[in-house]
């Protein structure tokens, strides 16, 4: 279930980021798209890291 949630969060960040980027003139399109994609991956990783806390604790890998 947490993987599905992280993918949904990734897509949400991407869609919102690209909509915001389409209406702004901060960076060139490809650069902004790459930054948005990277931010989506960070959000996905963070979500999975948070959701796996109990499992990591049970395995003795909490950090």
PDB file of N, CA and C in Angstrom:
ATOM      1  N   UNK A   1       0.817  -1.195   0.000  1.00  0.00           N
ATOM      2  CA  UNK A   1       0.000   0.000   0.000  1.00  0.00           C
ATOM      3  C   UNK A   1       0.865   1.266   0.000  1.00  0.00           C
ATOM      4  N   UNK A   2       1.965   1.241   0.719  1.00  0.00           N
ATOM      5  CA  UNK A   2       2.802   2.445   0.787  1.00  0.00           C
ATOM      6  C   UNK A   2       3.444   2.771  -0.562  1.00  0.00           C
ATOM      7  N   UNK A   3       3.714   1.749  -1.375  1.00  0.00           N
ATOM      8  CA  UNK A   3       4.279   2.004  -2.704  1.00  0.00           C
ATOM      9  C   UNK A   3       3.253   2.724  -3.574  1.00  0.00           C
ATOM     10  N   UNK A   4       2.000   2.281  -3.504  1.00  0.00           N
ATOM     11  CA  UNK A   4       0.933   2.941  -4.264  1.00  0.00           C
ATOM     12  C   UNK A   4       0.782   4.389  -3.825  1.00  0.00           C
ATOM     13  N   UNK A   5       0.830   4.623  -2.522  1.00  0.00           N
ATOM     14  CA  UNK A   5       0.729   5.989  -2.002  1.00  0.00           C
ATOM     15  C   UNK A   5       1.893   6.844  -2.475  1.00  0.00           C
ATOM     16  N   UNK A   6       3.092   6.273  -2.491  1.00  0.00           N
ATOM     17  CA  UNK A   6       4.263   7.053  -2.905  1.00  0.00           C
ATOM     18  C   UNK A   6       4.204   7.397  -4.389  1.00  0.00           C
ATOM     19  N   UNK A   7       3.690   6.488  -5.201  1.00  0.00           N
ATOM     20  CA  UNK A   7       3.545   6.775  -6.631  1.00  0.00           C
ATOM     21  C   UNK A   7       2.500   7.864  -6.846  1.00  0.00           C
ATOM     22  N   UNK A   8       1.403   7.800  -6.088  1.00  0.00           N
ATOM     23  CA  UNK A   8       0.376   8.841  -6.184  1.00  0.00           C
ATOM     24  C   UNK A   8       0.950  10.194  -5.770  1.00  0.00           C
ATOM     25  N   UNK A   9       1.756  10.220  -4.711  1.00  0.00           N
ATOM     26  CA  UNK A   9       2.391  11.467  -4.271  1.00  0.00           C
ATOM     27  C   UNK A   9       3.356  11.980  -5.332  1.00  0.00           C
ATOM     28  N   UNK A  10       4.137  11.083  -5.922  1.00  0.00           N
ATOM     29  CA  UNK A  10       5.062  11.443  -6.993  1.00  0.00           C
ATOM     30  C   UNK A  10       4.314  12.106  -8.148  1.00  0.00           C
ATOM     31  N   UNK A  11       3.221  11.474  -8.582  1.00  0.00           N
ATOM     32  CA  UNK A  11       2.445  12.026  -9.694  1.00  0.00           C
ATOM     33  C   UNK A  11       1.819  13.368  -9.329  1.00  0.00           C
ATOM     34  N   UNK A  12       1.347  13.495  -8.104  1.00  0.00           N
ATOM     35  CA  UNK A  12       0.764  14.760  -7.659  1.00  0.00           C
ATOM     36  C   UNK A  12       1.800  15.882  -7.696  1.00  0.00           C
ATOM     37  N   UNK A  13       2.991  15.608  -7.183  1.00  0.00           N
ATOM     38  CA  UNK A  13       4.058  16.618  -7.190  1.00  0.00           C
ATOM     39  C   UNK A  13       4.427  16.987  -8.624  1.00  0.00           C
ATOM     40  N   UNK A  14       4.521  15.999  -9.501  1.00  0.00           N
ATOM     41  CA  UNK A  14       4.867  16.251 -10.903  1.00  0.00           C
ATOM     42  C   UNK A  14       3.809  17.113 -11.584  1.00  0.00           C
ATOM     43  N   UNK A  15       2.544  16.732 -11.428  1.00  0.00           N
ATOM     44  CA  UNK A  15       1.461  17.467 -12.095  1.00  0.00           C
ATOM     45  C   UNK A  15       1.386  18.898 -11.585  1.00  0.00           C
ATOM     46  N   UNK A  16       1.409  19.068 -10.262  1.00  0.00           N
ATOM     47  CA  UNK A  16       1.340  20.424  -9.702  1.00  0.00           C
ATOM     48  C   UNK A  16       2.563  21.233 -10.126  1.00  0.00           C
ATOM     49  N   UNK A  17       3.738  20.618 -10.071  1.00  0.00           N
ATOM     50  CA  UNK A  17       4.956  21.319 -10.462  1.00  0.00           C
ATOM     51  C   UNK A  17       4.946  21.759 -11.912  1.00  0.00           C
ATOM     52  N   UNK A  18       4.479  20.891 -12.798  1.00  0.00           N
ATOM     53  CA  UNK A  18       4.453  21.253 -14.215  1.00  0.00           C
ATOM     54  C   UNK A  18       3.381  22.296 -14.514  1.00  0.00           C
ATOM     55  N   UNK A  19       2.276  22.250 -13.793  1.00  0.00           N
ATOM     56  CA  UNK A  19       1.253  23.290 -13.968  1.00  0.00           C
ATOM     57  C   UNK A  19       1.799  24.634 -13.511  1.00  0.00           C
ATOM     58  N   UNK A  20       2.457  24.646 -12.357  1.00  0.00           N
ATOM     59  CA  UNK A  20       3.052  25.896 -11.866  1.00  0.00           C
ATOM     60  C   UNK A  20       4.131  26.375 -12.836  1.00  0.00           C
ATOM     61  N   UNK A  21       4.955  25.459 -13.316  1.00  0.00           N
ATOM     62  CA  UNK A  21       6.021  25.822 -14.245  1.00  0.00           C
ATOM     63  C   UNK A  21       5.511  26.337 -15.577  1.00  0.00           C
ATOM     64  N   UNK A  22       4.366  25.838 -16.007  1.00  0.00           N
ATOM     65  CA  UNK A  22       3.804  26.284 -17.281  1.00  0.00           C
ATOM     66  C   UNK A  22       3.309  27.722 -17.214  1.00  0.00           C
ATOM     67  N   UNK A  23       3.001  28.183 -16.018  1.00  0.00           N
ATOM     68  CA  UNK A  23       2.482  29.543 -15.860  1.00  0.00           C
ATOM     69  C   UNK A  23       3.537  30.529 -15.371  1.00  0.00           C
ATOM     70  N   UNK A  24       4.747  30.074 -15.193  1.00  0.00           N
ATOM     71  CA  UNK A  24       5.814  30.950 -14.723  1.00  0.00           C
ATOM     72  C   UNK A  24       6.926  31.045 -15.744  1.00  0.00           C
ATOM     73  N   UNK A  25       7.824  31.955 -15.514  1.00  0.00           N
ATOM     74  CA  UNK A  25       8.967  32.145 -16.410  1.00  0.00           C
ATOM     75  C   UNK A  25      10.263  32.112 -15.599  1.00  0.00           C
ATOM     76  N   UNK A  26      10.364  31.147 -14.677  1.00  0.00           N
ATOM     77  CA  UNK A  26      11.535  31.081 -13.812  1.00  0.00           C
ATOM     78  C   UNK A  26      12.727  30.477 -14.532  1.00  0.00           C
ATOM     79  N   UNK A  27      12.531  29.347 -15.169  1.00  0.00           N
ATOM     80  CA  UNK A  27      13.611  28.637 -15.848  1.00  0.00           C
ATOM     81  C   UNK A  27      13.112  28.177 -17.213  1.00  0.00           C
ATOM     82  N   UNK A  28      14.041  27.697 -18.021  1.00  0.00           N
ATOM     83  CA  UNK A  28      13.643  27.082 -19.294  1.00  0.00           C
ATOM     84  C   UNK A  28      12.821  25.830 -19.005  1.00  0.00           C
ATOM     85  N   UNK A  29      11.973  25.443 -19.935  1.00  0.00           N
ATOM     86  CA  UNK A  29      11.039  24.346 -19.719  1.00  0.00           C
ATOM     87  C   UNK A  29      11.681  23.036 -19.310  1.00  0.00           C
ATOM     88  N   UNK A  30      12.737  22.627 -20.005  1.00  0.00           N
ATOM     89  CA  UNK A  30      13.371  21.345 -19.707  1.00  0.00           C
ATOM     90  C   UNK A  30      14.035  21.359 -18.335  1.00  0.00           C
ATOM     91  N   UNK A  31      14.642  22.469 -17.972  1.00  0.00           N
ATOM     92  CA  UNK A  31      15.287  22.576 -16.663  1.00  0.00           C
ATOM     93  C   UNK A  31      14.243  22.506 -15.561  1.00  0.00           C
ATOM     94  N   UNK A  32      13.153  23.224 -15.725  1.00  0.00           N
ATOM     95  CA  UNK A  32      12.100  23.211 -14.712  1.00  0.00           C
ATOM     96  C   UNK A  32      11.459  21.831 -14.619  1.00  0.00           C
ATOM     97  N   UNK A  33      11.271  21.172 -15.752  1.00  0.00           N
ATOM     98  CA  UNK A  33      10.700  19.821 -15.745  1.00  0.00           C
ATOM     99  C   UNK A  33      11.619  18.849 -15.016  1.00  0.00           C
ATOM    100  N   UNK A  34      12.924  18.964 -15.235  1.00  0.00           N
ATOM    101  CA  UNK A  34      13.876  18.104 -14.535  1.00  0.00           C
ATOM    102  C   UNK A  34      13.841  18.369 -13.041  1.00  0.00           C
ATOM    103  N   UNK A  35      13.804  19.629 -12.648  1.00  0.00           N
ATOM    104  CA  UNK A  35      13.742  19.970 -11.225  1.00  0.00           C
ATOM    105  C   UNK A  35      12.456  19.446 -10.593  1.00  0.00           C
ATOM    106  N   UNK A  36      11.354  19.536 -11.317  1.00  0.00           N
ATOM    107  CA  UNK A  36      10.082  19.026 -10.820  1.00  0.00           C
ATOM    108  C   UNK A  36      10.134  17.512 -10.673  1.00  0.00           C
ATOM    109  N   UNK A  37      10.720  16.835 -11.636  1.00  0.00           N
ATOM    110  CA  UNK A  37      10.857  15.381 -11.577  1.00  0.00           C
ATOM    111  C   UNK A  37      11.717  14.974 -10.378  1.00  0.00           C
ATOM    112  N   UNK A  38      12.818  15.682 -10.172  1.00  0.00           N
ATOM    113  CA  UNK A  38      13.690  15.384  -9.038  1.00  0.00           C
ATOM    114  C   UNK A  38      12.965  15.612  -7.716  1.00  0.00           C
ATOM    115  N   UNK A  39      12.193  16.684  -7.627  1.00  0.00           N
ATOM    116  CA  UNK A  39      11.421  16.951  -6.416  1.00  0.00           C
ATOM    117  C   UNK A  39      10.379  15.855  -6.187  1.00  0.00           C
ATOM    118  N   UNK A  40       9.778  15.360  -7.255  1.00  0.00           N
ATOM    119  CA  UNK A  40       8.832  14.253  -7.144  1.00  0.00           C
ATOM    120  C   UNK A  40       9.494  12.994  -6.610  1.00  0.00           C
ATOM    121  N   UNK A  41      10.709  12.725  -7.061  1.00  0.00           N
ATOM    122  CA  UNK A  41      11.436  11.558  -6.567  1.00  0.00           C
ATOM    123  C   UNK A  41      11.803  11.716  -5.095  1.00  0.00           C
ATOM    124  N   UNK A  42      12.176  12.922  -4.693  1.00  0.00           N
ATOM    125  CA  UNK A  42      12.478  13.177  -3.283  1.00  0.00           C
ATOM    126  C   UNK A  42      11.234  12.961  -2.431  1.00  0.00           C
ATOM    127  N   UNK A  43      10.096  13.453  -2.901  1.00  0.00           N
ATOM    128  CA  UNK A  43       8.844  13.264  -2.168  1.00  0.00           C
ATOM    129  C   UNK A  43       8.506  11.781  -2.058  1.00  0.00           C
ATOM    130  N   UNK A  44       8.702  11.037  -3.138  1.00  0.00           N
ATOM    131  CA  UNK A  44       8.416   9.602  -3.135  1.00  0.00           C
ATOM    132  C   UNK A  44       9.341   8.869  -2.160  1.00  0.00           C
ATOM    133  N   UNK A  45      10.617   9.154  -2.196  1.00  0.00           N
ATOM    134  CA  UNK A  45      11.571   8.517  -1.288  1.00  0.00           C
ATOM    135  C   UNK A  45      11.245   8.842   0.160  1.00  0.00           C
ATOM    136  N   UNK A  46      10.951  10.118   0.429  1.00  0.00           N
ATOM    137  CA  UNK A  46      10.636  10.528   1.794  1.00  0.00           C
ATOM    138  C   UNK A  46       9.400   9.810   2.307  1.00  0.00           C
ATOM    139  N   UNK A  47       8.377   9.705   1.463  1.00  0.00           N
ATOM    140  CA  UNK A  47       7.154   9.001   1.870  1.00  0.00           C
ATOM    141  C   UNK A  47       7.454   7.539   2.206  1.00  0.00           C
ATOM    142  N   UNK A  48       8.227   6.878   1.351  1.00  0.00           N
ATOM    143  CA  UNK A  48       8.566   5.480   1.614  1.00  0.00           C
ATOM    144  C   UNK A  48       9.427   5.338   2.863  1.00  0.00           C
ATOM    145  N   UNK A  49      10.327   6.271   3.094  1.00  0.00           N
ATOM    146  CA  UNK A  49      11.178   6.236   4.280  1.00  0.00           C
ATOM    147  C   UNK A  49      10.341   6.379   5.542  1.00  0.00           C
ATOM    148  N   UNK A  50       9.389   7.298   5.531  1.00  0.00           N
ATOM    149  CA  UNK A  50       8.523   7.503   6.694  1.00  0.00           C
ATOM    150  C   UNK A  50       7.642   6.279   6.924  1.00  0.00           C
ATOM    151  N   UNK A  51       7.036   5.775   5.861  1.00  0.00           N
ATOM    152  CA  UNK A  51       6.100   4.649   5.992  1.00  0.00           C
ATOM    153  C   UNK A  51       6.797   3.346   6.378  1.00  0.00           C
ATOM    154  N   UNK A  52       8.074   3.213   6.091  1.00  0.00           N
ATOM    155  CA  UNK A  52       8.781   1.976   6.415  1.00  0.00           C
ATOM    156  C   UNK A  52       9.419   2.014   7.797  1.00  0.00           C
ATOM    157  N   UNK A  53       9.144   3.049   8.566  1.00  0.00           N
ATOM    158  CA  UNK A  53       9.772   3.196   9.881  1.00  0.00           C
ATOM    159  C   UNK A  53       9.535   2.023  10.811  1.00  0.00           C
ATOM    160  N   UNK A  54       8.291   1.560  10.922  1.00  0.00           N
ATOM    161  CA  UNK A  54       7.993   0.437  11.814  1.00  0.00           C
ATOM    162  C   UNK A  54       8.703  -0.836  11.370  1.00  0.00           C
ATOM    163  N   UNK A  55       8.730  -1.081  10.086  1.00  0.00           N
ATOM    164  CA  UNK A  55       9.402  -2.272   9.563  1.00  0.00           C
ATOM    165  C   UNK A  55      10.902  -2.185   9.798  1.00  0.00           C
ATOM    166  N   UNK A  56      11.485  -1.016   9.552  1.00  0.00           N
ATOM    167  CA  UNK A  56      12.924  -0.849   9.779  1.00  0.00           C
ATOM    168  C   UNK A  56      13.269  -1.014  11.247  1.00  0.00           C
ATOM    169  N   UNK A  57      12.410  -0.484  12.141  1.00  0.00           N
ATOM    170  CA  UNK A  57      12.638  -0.656  13.573  1.00  0.00           C
ATOM    171  C   UNK A  57      12.583  -2.130  13.959  1.00  0.00           C
ATOM    172  N   UNK A  58      11.620  -2.854  13.408  1.00  0.00           N
ATOM    173  CA  UNK A  58      11.488  -4.281  13.710  1.00  0.00           C
ATOM    174  C   UNK A  58      12.707  -5.067  13.235  1.00  0.00           C
ATOM    175  N   UNK A  59      13.315  -4.624  12.155  1.00  0.00           N
ATOM    176  CA  UNK A  59      14.501  -5.295  11.630  1.00  0.00           C
ATOM    177  C   UNK A  59      15.796  -4.750  12.226  1.00  0.00           C
ATOM    178  N   UNK A  60      15.699  -3.738  13.068  1.00  0.00           N
ATOM    179  CA  UNK A  60      16.884  -3.158  13.682  1.00  0.00           C
ATOM    180  C   UNK A  60      17.677  -2.268  12.761  1.00  0.00           C
ATOM    181  N   UNK A  61      17.016  -1.669  11.753  1.00  0.00           N
ATOM    182  CA  UNK A  61      17.711  -0.834  10.775  1.00  0.00           C
ATOM    183  C   UNK A  61      17.311   0.627  10.871  1.00  0.00           C
ATOM    184  N   UNK A  62      16.631   1.013  11.917  1.00  0.00           N
ATOM    185  CA  UNK A  62      16.158   2.400  12.020  1.00  0.00           C
ATOM    186  C   UNK A  62      17.351   3.336  12.059  1.00  0.00           C
ATOM    187  N   UNK A  63      17.195   4.450  11.369  1.00  0.00           N
ATOM    188  CA  UNK A  63      18.306   5.395  11.341  1.00  0.00           C
ATOM    189  C   UNK A  63      17.861   6.804  11.379  1.00  0.00           C
TER     190      UNK A  63
END
